[in-house]
Amino acid sequence: MTFKDKITKYWTETQLEIKKVAWPTREEMIGSTMATIVISLLVAIFIWGADIGISKVVITLFRVLA
């Protein structure tokens, strides 16, 4: 099998697999995107709050131990 034959076979099989994919509807995509944005914002807010809290604890410890 030549290199060209391998490429042709790969391309043909790839196209066949793509036809089998269950693509989401527009509504599903919008819903998933919104959920991702909301969860990302919630995680960011949590990490921001934890960072502030931990920073205050560390600063207080340095003041006490210094």
Protein backbone atom coordinates (compact mmCIF):
# COMPACT_ATOMS: atom_id res chain seq x y z
CA MET A 1 0.00 0.00 0.00
CA THR A 2 1.51 3.29 -1.08
CA PHE A 3 1.57 6.46 0.95
CA LYS A 4 -1.09 7.98 -1.33
CA ASP A 5 -3.34 4.95 -0.77
CA LYS A 6 -2.93 5.28 3.00
CA ILE A 7 -3.88 8.95 2.87
CA THR A 8 -6.90 8.21 0.68
CA LYS A 9 -8.04 5.41 2.99
CA TYR A 10 -7.57 7.62 6.05
CA TRP A 11 -9.56 10.46 4.49
CA THR A 12 -12.40 8.15 3.40
CA GLU A 13 -12.65 6.52 6.84
CA THR A 14 -12.57 9.92 8.53
CA GLN A 15 -15.48 11.16 6.42
CA LEU A 16 -17.48 8.02 7.22
CA GLU A 17 -16.88 8.47 10.97
CA ILE A 18 -17.89 12.14 10.85
CA LYS A 19 -21.22 11.13 9.29
CA LYS A 20 -21.87 8.90 12.36
CA VAL A 21 -21.45 11.77 14.83
CA ALA A 22 -24.60 12.89 16.65
CA TRP A 23 -24.22 16.66 16.33
CA PRO A 24 -26.03 18.73 18.99
CA THR A 25 -28.92 20.98 18.07
CA ARG A 26 -28.59 24.75 18.29
CA GLU A 27 -30.64 24.77 21.52
CA GLU A 28 -28.45 22.06 23.08
CA MET A 29 -25.32 23.96 22.12
CA ILE A 30 -26.61 27.23 23.58
CA GLY A 31 -27.66 25.46 26.79
CA SER A 32 -24.29 23.73 27.16
CA THR A 33 -22.44 26.98 26.47
CA MET A 34 -24.48 28.87 29.06
CA ALA A 35 -23.93 26.13 31.65
CA THR A 36 -20.19 26.22 30.96
CA ILE A 37 -20.07 30.01 31.35
CA VAL A 38 -22.08 29.98 34.60
CA ILE A 39 -20.06 27.16 36.16
CA SER A 40 -16.79 28.81 35.10
CA LEU A 41 -17.88 32.08 36.73
CA LEU A 42 -18.91 30.29 39.93
CA VAL A 43 -15.58 28.46 40.12
CA ALA A 44 -13.69 31.70 39.44
CA ILE A 45 -15.60 33.50 42.22
CA PHE A 46 -14.94 30.62 44.62
CA ILE A 47 -11.21 30.60 43.83
CA TRP A 48 -11.07 34.39 44.17
CA GLY A 49 -12.76 34.21 47.58
CA ALA A 50 -10.51 31.37 48.73
CA ASP A 51 -7.45 33.31 47.57
CA ILE A 52 -8.49 36.39 49.54
CA GLY A 53 -9.26 34.29 52.63
CA ILE A 54 -5.98 32.38 52.50
CA SER A 55 -4.05 35.61 51.88
CA LYS A 56 -5.58 37.20 54.98
CA VAL A 57 -4.72 34.14 57.08
CA VAL A 58 -1.12 34.13 55.84
CA ILE A 59 -0.72 37.88 56.39
CA THR A 60 -2.12 37.54 59.91
CA LEU A 61 0.26 34.65 60.66
CA PHE A 62 3.24 36.65 59.45
CA ARG A 63 2.22 39.59 61.64
CA VAL A 64 1.81 37.37 64.68
CA LEU A 65 5.05 35.45 64.14
CA ALA A 66 7.16 38.48 63.14
